[in-house]
């Protein structure tokens, strides 16, 4: 009996370790998460979950070679896990973007294989199909990019989830310069899915790219009236950030942009689909600079630089700090 109790206790402890590690990862506490999963791996070198999350942590920290090594080990022990193939695809895509012209094609092909395997193992998973579709749109034809196959994936997504299908088709039409089809898609979506925040936000991004800022702001306002103001729905926070970004890009409506970005910084959660607070402070600083408050702008730049991890953003902040000092 005591032996059974001991085994049971070990199982509970192991489950607790996994949950703590995953929770730390989701909260972007990578130090704690890494400690948890490294400890698990020291007890079992074939722990696919630990290997997978160590790979995800390394990817977040832009340690791409480590991420590749971990995820390849995870695949050896869990070759039938769609999520691990999907993570492998993301890591190989990152390697392709950060490698020499000689090794990038090989990584791109590995990325494509990962997306394909994820979809094959879990064909109804929207995230996996969206990843495969995005690869087909973004990659050169020589490594597997294919606009026709991207459309096939978008139509498959539409069968699984009609709203997600609209979003996917919008990406395909935008990336293939099918402006007429895109406008018709948004017009039809207005009738089929009136006041759908996700579709409105997709249209906003199109209007911004086309520098049609007045139309973008009109949709922003609609989004803010229909999305619940809580942290479980990030669309409202994405809208707030984009209102501020639009003010910067259009060089107009500075006060509205300031209000939106300050609300974003105050209330938005940390989320992989949201801009970082550092980016928000950078754009808010630009707006304050335009409004003549250079001291406030400098404060925001310095704070953003202290917290930023994005190398491109850090360089932008260095230039603004030098200009404002």
C-alpha atoms as a PDB file:
ATOM      1  CA  UNK A   1       0.000   0.000   0.000  1.00  0.00           C
ATOM      2  CA  UNK A   2       2.786   2.439   0.940  1.00  0.00           C
ATOM      3  CA  UNK A   3       4.478   1.710  -2.406  1.00  0.00           C
ATOM      4  CA  UNK A   4       1.302   2.573  -4.306  1.00  0.00           C
ATOM      5  CA  UNK A   5       0.941   5.778  -2.302  1.00  0.00           C
ATOM      6  CA  UNK A   6       4.531   6.738  -3.132  1.00  0.00           C
ATOM      7  CA  UNK A   7       3.951   6.159  -6.853  1.00  0.00           C
ATOM      8  CA  UNK A   8       0.744   8.187  -6.700  1.00  0.00           C
ATOM      9  CA  UNK A   9       2.574  11.025  -4.979  1.00  0.00           C
ATOM     10  CA  UNK A  10       5.248  11.033  -7.690  1.00  0.00           C
ATOM     11  CA  UNK A  11       2.622  11.226 -10.443  1.00  0.00           C
ATOM     12  CA  UNK A  12       0.885  14.158  -8.724  1.00  0.00           C
ATOM     13  CA  UNK A  13       4.225  15.933  -8.233  1.00  0.00           C
ATOM     14  CA  UNK A  14       5.189  15.417 -11.889  1.00  0.00           C
ATOM     15  CA  UNK A  15       1.848  16.782 -13.068  1.00  0.00           C
ATOM     16  CA  UNK A  16       2.259  19.762 -10.767  1.00  0.00           C
ATOM     17  CA  UNK A  17       5.733  20.449 -12.199  1.00  0.00           C
ATOM     18  CA  UNK A  18       4.340  20.458 -15.739  1.00  0.00           C
ATOM     19  CA  UNK A  19       1.514  22.801 -14.814  1.00  0.00           C
ATOM     20  CA  UNK A  20       3.850  25.179 -12.982  1.00  0.00           C
ATOM     21  CA  UNK A  21       6.263  25.211 -15.887  1.00  0.00           C
ATOM     22  CA  UNK A  22       3.550  25.831 -18.470  1.00  0.00           C
ATOM     23  CA  UNK A  23       1.986  28.553 -16.327  1.00  0.00           C
ATOM     24  CA  UNK A  24       5.367  30.272 -15.958  1.00  0.00           C
ATOM     25  CA  UNK A  25       5.897  30.051 -19.726  1.00  0.00           C
ATOM     26  CA  UNK A  26       2.484  31.531 -20.486  1.00  0.00           C
ATOM     27  CA  UNK A  27       3.233  34.394 -18.096  1.00  0.00           C
ATOM     28  CA  UNK A  28       6.530  34.878 -19.944  1.00  0.00           C
ATOM     29  CA  UNK A  29       8.521  34.073 -16.820  1.00  0.00           C
ATOM     30  CA  UNK A  30      11.050  32.159 -18.869  1.00  0.00           C
ATOM     31  CA  UNK A  31      13.595  31.852 -16.063  1.00  0.00           C
ATOM     32  CA  UNK A  32      11.207  29.887 -13.831  1.00  0.00           C
ATOM     33  CA  UNK A  33       9.807  27.908 -16.761  1.00  0.00           C
ATOM     34  CA  UNK A  34      13.292  26.914 -17.890  1.00  0.00           C
ATOM     35  CA  UNK A  35      14.206  25.781 -14.393  1.00  0.00           C
ATOM     36  CA  UNK A  36      11.080  23.627 -14.154  1.00  0.00           C
ATOM     37  CA  UNK A  37      11.560  21.904 -17.500  1.00  0.00           C
ATOM     38  CA  UNK A  38      15.332  21.522 -17.142  1.00  0.00           C
ATOM     39  CA  UNK A  39      14.723  19.748 -13.837  1.00  0.00           C
ATOM     40  CA  UNK A  40      12.170  17.432 -15.477  1.00  0.00           C
ATOM     41  CA  UNK A  41      14.611  16.666 -18.283  1.00  0.00           C
ATOM     42  CA  UNK A  42      17.345  15.784 -15.787  1.00  0.00           C
ATOM     43  CA  UNK A  43      15.028  13.064 -14.427  1.00  0.00           C
ATOM     44  CA  UNK A  44      13.957  11.790 -17.844  1.00  0.00           C
ATOM     45  CA  UNK A  45      15.998  12.651 -20.941  1.00  0.00           C
ATOM     46  CA  UNK A  46      13.117  11.455 -23.147  1.00  0.00           C
ATOM     47  CA  UNK A  47      10.542  13.843 -21.681  1.00  0.00           C
ATOM     48  CA  UNK A  48       9.034  15.237 -24.881  1.00  0.00           C
ATOM     49  CA  UNK A  49       6.996  17.898 -23.060  1.00  0.00           C
ATOM     50  CA  UNK A  50      10.071  19.256 -21.300  1.00  0.00           C
ATOM     51  CA  UNK A  51      12.035  19.251 -24.557  1.00  0.00           C
ATOM     52  CA  UNK A  52       9.191  20.959 -26.394  1.00  0.00           C
ATOM     53  CA  UNK A  53       8.887  23.762 -23.852  1.00  0.00           C
ATOM     54  CA  UNK A  54      12.634  24.268 -23.614  1.00  0.00           C
ATOM     55  CA  UNK A  55      12.538  24.682 -27.397  1.00  0.00           C
ATOM     56  CA  UNK A  56       9.693  27.206 -27.114  1.00  0.00           C
ATOM     57  CA  UNK A  57      11.601  29.153 -24.449  1.00  0.00           C
ATOM     58  CA  UNK A  58      14.759  29.202 -26.570  1.00  0.00           C
ATOM     59  CA  UNK A  59      12.732  30.458 -29.534  1.00  0.00           C
ATOM     60  CA  UNK A  60      11.273  33.281 -27.448  1.00  0.00           C
ATOM     61  CA  UNK A  61      14.783  34.226 -26.349  1.00  0.00           C
ATOM     62  CA  UNK A  62      16.011  34.067 -29.964  1.00  0.00           C
ATOM     63  CA  UNK A  63      18.395  31.217 -29.158  1.00  0.00           C
ATOM     64  CA  UNK A  64      17.535  29.505 -32.414  1.00  0.00           C
ATOM     65  CA  UNK A  65      20.192  26.781 -32.446  1.00  0.00           C
ATOM     66  CA  UNK A  66      19.183  25.638 -28.961  1.00  0.00           C
ATOM     67  CA  UNK A  67      15.527  25.707 -29.979  1.00  0.00           C
ATOM     68  CA  UNK A  68      16.301  23.549 -33.004  1.00  0.00           C
ATOM     69  CA  UNK A  69      18.233  21.017 -30.927  1.00  0.00           C
ATOM     70  CA  UNK A  70      15.489  20.697 -28.316  1.00  0.00           C
ATOM     71  CA  UNK A  71      12.626  20.377 -30.790  1.00  0.00           C
ATOM     72  CA  UNK A  72      14.439  17.763 -32.880  1.00  0.00           C
ATOM     73  CA  UNK A  73      14.927  15.692 -29.736  1.00  0.00           C
ATOM     74  CA  UNK A  74      11.247  16.138 -28.843  1.00  0.00           C
ATOM     75  CA  UNK A  75      10.251  14.864 -32.285  1.00  0.00           C
ATOM     76  CA  UNK A  76      12.268  11.686 -31.742  1.00  0.00           C
ATOM     77  CA  UNK A  77      10.162  10.808 -28.712  1.00  0.00           C
ATOM     78  CA  UNK A  78       6.771  12.174 -29.835  1.00  0.00           C
ATOM     79  CA  UNK A  79       6.647  11.968 -33.617  1.00  0.00           C
ATOM     80  CA  UNK A  80       2.846  11.659 -33.569  1.00  0.00           C
ATOM     81  CA  UNK A  81       2.251  14.929 -31.691  1.00  0.00           C
ATOM     82  CA  UNK A  82       0.885  17.604 -34.023  1.00  0.00           C
ATOM     83  CA  UNK A  83       1.738  20.441 -31.634  1.00  0.00           C
ATOM     84  CA  UNK A  84       5.414  19.488 -31.594  1.00  0.00           C
ATOM     85  CA  UNK A  85       5.524  19.408 -35.402  1.00  0.00           C
ATOM     86  CA  UNK A  86       3.913  22.852 -35.442  1.00  0.00           C
ATOM     87  CA  UNK A  87       6.487  24.214 -32.979  1.00  0.00           C
ATOM     88  CA  UNK A  88       9.216  22.648 -35.110  1.00  0.00           C
ATOM     89  CA  UNK A  89       7.822  24.461 -38.140  1.00  0.00           C
ATOM     90  CA  UNK A  90       7.965  27.798 -36.315  1.00  0.00           C
ATOM     91  CA  UNK A  91      11.527  27.188 -35.136  1.00  0.00           C
ATOM     92  CA  UNK A  92      12.740  26.163 -38.588  1.00  0.00           C
ATOM     93  CA  UNK A  93      11.064  29.242 -40.073  1.00  0.00           C
ATOM     94  CA  UNK A  94      12.958  31.401 -37.576  1.00  0.00           C
ATOM     95  CA  UNK A  95      16.185  29.627 -38.488  1.00  0.00           C
ATOM     96  CA  UNK A  96      15.494  30.245 -42.186  1.00  0.00           C
ATOM     97  CA  UNK A  97      15.052  33.949 -41.534  1.00  0.00           C
ATOM     98  CA  UNK A  98      18.252  34.179 -39.498  1.00  0.00           C
ATOM     99  CA  UNK A  99      20.545  31.926 -41.525  1.00  0.00           C
ATOM    100  CA  UNK A 100      22.850  32.385 -44.480  1.00  0.00           C
ATOM    101  CA  UNK A 101      21.546  32.132 -48.032  1.00  0.00           C
ATOM    102  CA  UNK A 102      23.095  28.664 -48.183  1.00  0.00           C
ATOM    103  CA  UNK A 103      21.294  27.111 -45.209  1.00  0.00           C
ATOM    104  CA  UNK A 104      18.034  29.112 -45.309  1.00  0.00           C
ATOM    105  CA  UNK A 105      16.389  27.009 -48.074  1.00  0.00           C
ATOM    106  CA  UNK A 106      16.963  23.813 -46.100  1.00  0.00           C
ATOM    107  CA  UNK A 107      15.391  25.296 -42.995  1.00  0.00           C
ATOM    108  CA  UNK A 108      12.448  26.628 -45.038  1.00  0.00           C
ATOM    109  CA  UNK A 109      11.741  23.158 -46.400  1.00  0.00           C
ATOM    110  CA  UNK A 110      11.907  21.712 -42.881  1.00  0.00           C
ATOM    111  CA  UNK A 111       9.442  24.385 -41.781  1.00  0.00           C
ATOM    112  CA  UNK A 112       7.042  23.441 -44.573  1.00  0.00           C
ATOM    113  CA  UNK A 113       7.278  19.770 -43.632  1.00  0.00           C
ATOM    114  CA  UNK A 114       6.490  20.650 -40.017  1.00  0.00           C
ATOM    115  CA  UNK A 115       3.374  22.596 -40.970  1.00  0.00           C
ATOM    116  CA  UNK A 116       2.240  19.803 -43.284  1.00  0.00           C
ATOM    117  CA  UNK A 117       2.707  17.154 -40.606  1.00  0.00           C
ATOM    118  CA  UNK A 118       0.819  19.232 -38.034  1.00  0.00           C
ATOM    119  CA  UNK A 119      -2.127  19.603 -40.436  1.00  0.00           C
ATOM    120  CA  UNK A 120      -2.004  15.923 -41.367  1.00  0.00           C
ATOM    121  CA  UNK A 121      -2.127  14.868 -37.718  1.00  0.00           C
ATOM    122  CA  UNK A 122      -4.775  17.434 -36.704  1.00  0.00           C
ATOM    123  CA  UNK A 123      -6.636  18.531 -39.867  1.00  0.00           C
ATOM    124  CA  UNK A 124      -9.353  20.453 -37.997  1.00  0.00           C
ATOM    125  CA  UNK A 125      -6.890  22.633 -36.062  1.00  0.00           C
ATOM    126  CA  UNK A 126      -7.230  26.183 -37.354  1.00  0.00           C
ATOM    127  CA  UNK A 127      -3.862  27.372 -36.036  1.00  0.00           C
ATOM    128  CA  UNK A 128      -1.991  24.656 -37.905  1.00  0.00           C
ATOM    129  CA  UNK A 129      -3.821  25.311 -41.171  1.00  0.00           C
ATOM    130  CA  UNK A 130      -3.276  29.055 -40.776  1.00  0.00           C
ATOM    131  CA  UNK A 131       0.421  28.420 -40.280  1.00  0.00           C
ATOM    132  CA  UNK A 132       0.602  26.310 -43.434  1.00  0.00           C
ATOM    133  CA  UNK A 133      -1.376  28.909 -45.394  1.00  0.00           C
ATOM    134  CA  UNK A 134       0.930  31.695 -44.200  1.00  0.00           C
ATOM    135  CA  UNK A 135       3.978  29.682 -45.271  1.00  0.00           C
ATOM    136  CA  UNK A 136       2.547  29.179 -48.751  1.00  0.00           C
ATOM    137  CA  UNK A 137       1.928  32.925 -49.041  1.00  0.00           C
ATOM    138  CA  UNK A 138       5.230  34.137 -47.623  1.00  0.00           C
ATOM    139  CA  UNK A 139       7.808  31.651 -48.904  1.00  0.00           C
ATOM    140  CA  UNK A 140       9.444  31.816 -52.349  1.00  0.00           C
ATOM    141  CA  UNK A 141       8.293  29.189 -54.812  1.00  0.00           C
ATOM    142  CA  UNK A 142      11.705  27.533 -54.826  1.00  0.00           C
ATOM    143  CA  UNK A 143      11.227  26.383 -51.207  1.00  0.00           C
ATOM    144  CA  UNK A 144       7.527  25.564 -51.420  1.00  0.00           C
ATOM    145  CA  UNK A 145       5.638  28.847 -51.539  1.00  0.00           C
ATOM    146  CA  UNK A 146       2.457  28.455 -53.556  1.00  0.00           C
ATOM    147  CA  UNK A 147      -0.413  30.951 -53.816  1.00  0.00           C
ATOM    148  CA  UNK A 148      -2.801  28.323 -55.186  1.00  0.00           C
ATOM    149  CA  UNK A 149      -2.144  26.029 -52.221  1.00  0.00           C
ATOM    150  CA  UNK A 150      -2.595  28.992 -49.877  1.00  0.00           C
ATOM    151  CA  UNK A 151      -6.080  29.437 -51.308  1.00  0.00           C
ATOM    152  CA  UNK A 152      -6.779  25.729 -50.800  1.00  0.00           C
ATOM    153  CA  UNK A 153      -5.889  26.109 -47.109  1.00  0.00           C
ATOM    154  CA  UNK A 154      -8.015  29.241 -46.766  1.00  0.00           C
ATOM    155  CA  UNK A 155     -11.024  27.428 -48.207  1.00  0.00           C
ATOM    156  CA  UNK A 156     -10.387  24.490 -45.862  1.00  0.00           C
ATOM    157  CA  UNK A 157     -10.309  26.929 -42.944  1.00  0.00           C
ATOM    158  CA  UNK A 158     -13.601  28.413 -44.110  1.00  0.00           C
ATOM    159  CA  UNK A 159     -15.249  24.976 -43.931  1.00  0.00           C
ATOM    160  CA  UNK A 160     -14.087  24.557 -40.339  1.00  0.00           C
ATOM    161  CA  UNK A 161     -14.952  28.095 -39.192  1.00  0.00           C
ATOM    162  CA  UNK A 162     -16.660  30.596 -41.551  1.00  0.00           C
ATOM    163  CA  UNK A 163     -15.363  33.687 -39.731  1.00  0.00           C
ATOM    164  CA  UNK A 164     -11.816  32.325 -39.665  1.00  0.00           C
ATOM    165  CA  UNK A 165     -12.324  31.603 -43.355  1.00  0.00           C
ATOM    166  CA  UNK A 166     -13.060  35.268 -44.071  1.00  0.00           C
ATOM    167  CA  UNK A 167      -9.873  36.252 -42.250  1.00  0.00           C
ATOM    168  CA  UNK A 168      -7.832  33.654 -44.128  1.00  0.00           C
ATOM    169  CA  UNK A 169      -9.241  34.596 -47.523  1.00  0.00           C
ATOM    170  CA  UNK A 170      -8.554  38.251 -46.760  1.00  0.00           C
ATOM    171  CA  UNK A 171      -4.892  37.388 -46.222  1.00  0.00           C
ATOM    172  CA  UNK A 172      -4.740  35.458 -49.475  1.00  0.00           C
ATOM    173  CA  UNK A 173      -6.412  38.218 -51.487  1.00  0.00           C
ATOM    174  CA  UNK A 174      -4.206  40.922 -49.958  1.00  0.00           C
ATOM    175  CA  UNK A 175      -1.008  39.010 -50.551  1.00  0.00           C
ATOM    176  CA  UNK A 176      -1.951  38.204 -54.139  1.00  0.00           C
ATOM    177  CA  UNK A 177      -3.138  41.747 -54.957  1.00  0.00           C
ATOM    178  CA  UNK A 178      -6.720  40.656 -55.619  1.00  0.00           C
ATOM    179  CA  UNK A 179      -8.186  43.995 -54.547  1.00  0.00           C
ATOM    180  CA  UNK A 180     -11.578  43.469 -56.179  1.00  0.00           C
ATOM    181  CA  UNK A 181     -12.035  40.101 -54.494  1.00  0.00           C
ATOM    182  CA  UNK A 182     -10.913  41.516 -51.152  1.00  0.00           C
ATOM    183  CA  UNK A 183     -13.401  44.390 -51.247  1.00  0.00           C
ATOM    184  CA  UNK A 184     -16.189  41.992 -52.207  1.00  0.00           C
ATOM    185  CA  UNK A 185     -15.180  39.672 -49.359  1.00  0.00           C
ATOM    186  CA  UNK A 186     -15.446  42.489 -46.809  1.00  0.00           C
ATOM    187  CA  UNK A 187     -18.760  43.648 -48.296  1.00  0.00           C
ATOM    188  CA  UNK A 188     -20.240  40.143 -48.065  1.00  0.00           C
ATOM    189  CA  UNK A 189     -18.848  39.720 -44.543  1.00  0.00           C
ATOM    190  CA  UNK A 190     -20.672  42.883 -43.426  1.00  0.00           C
ATOM    191  CA  UNK A 191     -23.937  41.152 -44.307  1.00  0.00           C
ATOM    192  CA  UNK A 192     -23.055  37.657 -43.071  1.00  0.00           C
ATOM    193  CA  UNK A 193     -21.257  38.680 -39.876  1.00  0.00           C
ATOM    194  CA  UNK A 194     -22.318  42.230 -38.973  1.00  0.00           C
ATOM    195  CA  UNK A 195     -20.192  43.886 -36.297  1.00  0.00           C
ATOM    196  CA  UNK A 196     -17.737  41.016 -36.035  1.00  0.00           C
ATOM    197  CA  UNK A 197     -14.700  42.487 -34.271  1.00  0.00           C
ATOM    198  CA  UNK A 198     -12.133  40.156 -35.818  1.00  0.00           C
ATOM    199  CA  UNK A 199     -13.295  40.893 -39.372  1.00  0.00           C
ATOM    200  CA  UNK A 200     -13.471  44.618 -38.679  1.00  0.00           C
ATOM    201  CA  UNK A 201      -9.931  44.504 -37.327  1.00  0.00           C
ATOM    202  CA  UNK A 202      -8.718  42.690 -40.449  1.00  0.00           C
ATOM    203  CA  UNK A 203     -10.312  45.403 -42.560  1.00  0.00           C
ATOM    204  CA  UNK A 204      -8.677  48.058 -40.385  1.00  0.00           C
ATOM    205  CA  UNK A 205      -5.258  46.619 -41.171  1.00  0.00           C
ATOM    206  CA  UNK A 206      -6.079  46.759 -44.875  1.00  0.00           C
ATOM    207  CA  UNK A 207      -7.207  50.396 -44.609  1.00  0.00           C
ATOM    208  CA  UNK A 208      -4.026  51.277 -42.724  1.00  0.00           C
ATOM    209  CA  UNK A 209      -1.846  49.673 -45.385  1.00  0.00           C
ATOM    210  CA  UNK A 210      -3.712  51.656 -48.024  1.00  0.00           C
ATOM    211  CA  UNK A 211      -3.329  54.844 -45.924  1.00  0.00           C
ATOM    212  CA  UNK A 212      -7.117  55.179 -45.702  1.00  0.00           C
ATOM    213  CA  UNK A 213      -6.891  56.295 -42.087  1.00  0.00           C
ATOM    214  CA  UNK A 214     -10.376  57.825 -41.816  1.00  0.00           C
ATOM    215  CA  UNK A 215     -11.970  54.497 -42.781  1.00  0.00           C
ATOM    216  CA  UNK A 216      -9.643  52.688 -40.394  1.00  0.00           C
ATOM    217  CA  UNK A 217     -10.658  54.917 -37.490  1.00  0.00           C
ATOM    218  CA  UNK A 218     -14.359  54.382 -38.244  1.00  0.00           C
ATOM    219  CA  UNK A 219     -13.868  50.630 -37.884  1.00  0.00           C
ATOM    220  CA  UNK A 220     -11.766  51.134 -34.753  1.00  0.00           C
ATOM    221  CA  UNK A 221     -14.681  52.953 -33.163  1.00  0.00           C
ATOM    222  CA  UNK A 222     -17.064  50.135 -34.087  1.00  0.00           C
ATOM    223  CA  UNK A 223     -14.740  47.563 -32.547  1.00  0.00           C
ATOM    224  CA  UNK A 224     -14.551  49.427 -29.260  1.00  0.00           C
ATOM    225  CA  UNK A 225     -18.336  49.513 -28.963  1.00  0.00           C
ATOM    226  CA  UNK A 226     -18.896  45.807 -29.620  1.00  0.00           C
ATOM    227  CA  UNK A 227     -15.987  44.112 -27.851  1.00  0.00           C
ATOM    228  CA  UNK A 228     -16.319  43.387 -24.125  1.00  0.00           C
ATOM    229  CA  UNK A 229     -13.794  45.463 -22.199  1.00  0.00           C
ATOM    230  CA  UNK A 230     -12.035  42.630 -20.405  1.00  0.00           C
ATOM    231  CA  UNK A 231      -8.646  40.999 -20.700  1.00  0.00           C
ATOM    232  CA  UNK A 232     -10.027  37.788 -22.153  1.00  0.00           C
ATOM    233  CA  UNK A 233     -10.777  39.459 -25.474  1.00  0.00           C
ATOM    234  CA  UNK A 234      -7.649  41.006 -26.946  1.00  0.00           C
ATOM    235  CA  UNK A 235      -9.336  42.512 -30.010  1.00  0.00           C
ATOM    236  CA  UNK A 236     -10.204  45.701 -28.139  1.00  0.00           C
ATOM    237  CA  UNK A 237      -6.611  46.078 -27.020  1.00  0.00           C
ATOM    238  CA  UNK A 238      -5.343  45.469 -30.531  1.00  0.00           C
ATOM    239  CA  UNK A 239      -7.696  48.220 -31.672  1.00  0.00           C
ATOM    240  CA  UNK A 240      -6.383  50.638 -29.040  1.00  0.00           C
ATOM    241  CA  UNK A 241      -2.812  50.053 -30.131  1.00  0.00           C
ATOM    242  CA  UNK A 242      -3.679  50.452 -33.794  1.00  0.00           C
ATOM    243  CA  UNK A 243      -5.548  53.721 -33.133  1.00  0.00           C
ATOM    244  CA  UNK A 244      -2.312  55.059 -31.652  1.00  0.00           C
ATOM    245  CA  UNK A 245      -0.274  53.636 -34.508  1.00  0.00           C
ATOM    246  CA  UNK A 246      -2.637  55.225 -37.037  1.00  0.00           C
ATOM    247  CA  UNK A 247      -2.179  58.604 -35.371  1.00  0.00           C
ATOM    248  CA  UNK A 248       1.592  58.251 -35.753  1.00  0.00           C
ATOM    249  CA  UNK A 249       1.424  57.092 -39.370  1.00  0.00           C
ATOM    250  CA  UNK A 250      -1.145  59.649 -40.473  1.00  0.00           C
ATOM    251  CA  UNK A 251       0.478  62.465 -38.448  1.00  0.00           C
ATOM    252  CA  UNK A 252      -2.965  63.526 -37.280  1.00  0.00           C
ATOM    253  CA  UNK A 253      -5.413  63.140 -34.376  1.00  0.00           C
ATOM    254  CA  UNK A 254      -2.533  63.106 -31.893  1.00  0.00           C
ATOM    255  CA  UNK A 255      -4.709  63.487 -28.805  1.00  0.00           C
ATOM    256  CA  UNK A 256      -6.858  60.519 -29.801  1.00  0.00           C
ATOM    257  CA  UNK A 257      -3.721  58.474 -30.356  1.00  0.00           C
ATOM    258  CA  UNK A 258      -2.303  59.470 -26.973  1.00  0.00           C
ATOM    259  CA  UNK A 259      -5.502  58.489 -25.207  1.00  0.00           C
ATOM    260  CA  UNK A 260      -5.621  55.120 -26.964  1.00  0.00           C
ATOM    261  CA  UNK A 261      -1.992  54.221 -26.268  1.00  0.00           C
ATOM    262  CA  UNK A 262      -2.171  55.296 -22.633  1.00  0.00           C
ATOM    263  CA  UNK A 263      -5.243  53.074 -22.208  1.00  0.00           C
ATOM    264  CA  UNK A 264      -3.394  50.206 -23.905  1.00  0.00           C
ATOM    265  CA  UNK A 265      -0.347  50.574 -21.652  1.00  0.00           C
ATOM    266  CA  UNK A 266      -2.499  50.744 -18.537  1.00  0.00           C
ATOM    267  CA  UNK A 267      -4.895  47.870 -19.203  1.00  0.00           C
ATOM    268  CA  UNK A 268      -3.627  45.497 -21.904  1.00  0.00           C
ATOM    269  CA  UNK A 269      -2.364  42.069 -20.802  1.00  0.00           C
ATOM    270  CA  UNK A 270       0.915  40.561 -21.965  1.00  0.00           C
ATOM    271  CA  UNK A 271      -0.087  38.468 -24.965  1.00  0.00           C
ATOM    272  CA  UNK A 272       1.780  37.044 -27.941  1.00  0.00           C
ATOM    273  CA  UNK A 273      -0.754  38.560 -30.342  1.00  0.00           C
ATOM    274  CA  UNK A 274      -0.429  42.050 -28.869  1.00  0.00           C
ATOM    275  CA  UNK A 275       2.293  44.615 -29.367  1.00  0.00           C
ATOM    276  CA  UNK A 276       4.625  44.941 -26.404  1.00  0.00           C
ATOM    277  CA  UNK A 277       4.284  47.805 -23.941  1.00  0.00           C
ATOM    278  CA  UNK A 278       7.723  48.954 -25.140  1.00  0.00           C
ATOM    279  CA  UNK A 279       6.412  49.416 -28.672  1.00  0.00           C
ATOM    280  CA  UNK A 280       3.383  51.252 -27.292  1.00  0.00           C
ATOM    281  CA  UNK A 281       5.600  53.596 -25.241  1.00  0.00           C
ATOM    282  CA  UNK A 282       7.784  54.241 -28.277  1.00  0.00           C
ATOM    283  CA  UNK A 283       4.779  55.282 -30.370  1.00  0.00           C
ATOM    284  CA  UNK A 284       3.324  57.277 -27.479  1.00  0.00           C
ATOM    285  CA  UNK A 285       6.653  59.092 -27.211  1.00  0.00           C
ATOM    286  CA  UNK A 286       6.469  59.992 -30.899  1.00  0.00           C
ATOM    287  CA  UNK A 287       3.030  61.482 -30.364  1.00  0.00           C
ATOM    288  CA  UNK A 288       4.132  63.518 -27.336  1.00  0.00           C
ATOM    289  CA  UNK A 289       7.102  64.763 -29.354  1.00  0.00           C
ATOM    290  CA  UNK A 290       4.715  65.984 -32.054  1.00  0.00           C
ATOM    291  CA  UNK A 291       2.609  67.666 -29.376  1.00  0.00           C
ATOM    292  CA  UNK A 292       5.679  69.553 -28.151  1.00  0.00           C
ATOM    293  CA  UNK A 293       6.207  67.690 -24.872  1.00  0.00           C
ATOM    294  CA  UNK A 294       9.761  66.501 -25.509  1.00  0.00           C
ATOM    295  CA  UNK A 295      10.473  65.772 -21.831  1.00  0.00           C
ATOM    296  CA  UNK A 296       7.565  63.335 -21.624  1.00  0.00           C
ATOM    297  CA  UNK A 297       8.634  61.797 -24.924  1.00  0.00           C
ATOM    298  CA  UNK A 298      12.169  61.270 -23.612  1.00  0.00           C
ATOM    299  CA  UNK A 299      10.848  59.633 -20.424  1.00  0.00           C
ATOM    300  CA  UNK A 300       8.836  57.179 -22.503  1.00  0.00           C
ATOM    301  CA  UNK A 301      11.761  56.352 -24.791  1.00  0.00           C
ATOM    302  CA  UNK A 302      14.079  55.670 -21.854  1.00  0.00           C
ATOM    303  CA  UNK A 303      11.510  53.464 -20.105  1.00  0.00           C
ATOM    304  CA  UNK A 304      10.741  51.589 -23.322  1.00  0.00           C
ATOM    305  CA  UNK A 305      14.450  50.979 -23.996  1.00  0.00           C
ATOM    306  CA  UNK A 306      14.968  49.615 -20.475  1.00  0.00           C
ATOM    307  CA  UNK A 307      12.264  46.994 -21.059  1.00  0.00           C
ATOM    308  CA  UNK A 308      12.611  46.300 -24.784  1.00  0.00           C
ATOM    309  CA  UNK A 309      13.897  43.001 -26.162  1.00  0.00           C
ATOM    310  CA  UNK A 310      13.253  43.689 -29.852  1.00  0.00           C
ATOM    311  CA  UNK A 311      16.570  44.687 -31.441  1.00  0.00           C
ATOM    312  CA  UNK A 312      14.884  46.747 -34.156  1.00  0.00           C
ATOM    313  CA  UNK A 313      12.898  48.682 -31.557  1.00  0.00           C
ATOM    314  CA  UNK A 314      15.989  49.250 -29.411  1.00  0.00           C
ATOM    315  CA  UNK A 315      17.767  50.885 -32.363  1.00  0.00           C
ATOM    316  CA  UNK A 316      14.773  53.128 -33.011  1.00  0.00           C
ATOM    317  CA  UNK A 317      14.699  54.133 -29.344  1.00  0.00           C
ATOM    318  CA  UNK A 318      18.421  54.904 -29.307  1.00  0.00           C
ATOM    319  CA  UNK A 319      17.933  57.313 -32.213  1.00  0.00           C
ATOM    320  CA  UNK A 320      14.940  58.996 -30.564  1.00  0.00           C
ATOM    321  CA  UNK A 321      16.743  59.335 -27.225  1.00  0.00           C
ATOM    322  CA  UNK A 322      19.719  60.934 -28.960  1.00  0.00           C
ATOM    323  CA  UNK A 323      17.407  63.271 -30.860  1.00  0.00           C
ATOM    324  CA  UNK A 324      15.462  64.250 -27.722  1.00  0.00           C
ATOM    325  CA  UNK A 325      18.454  64.698 -25.365  1.00  0.00           C
END
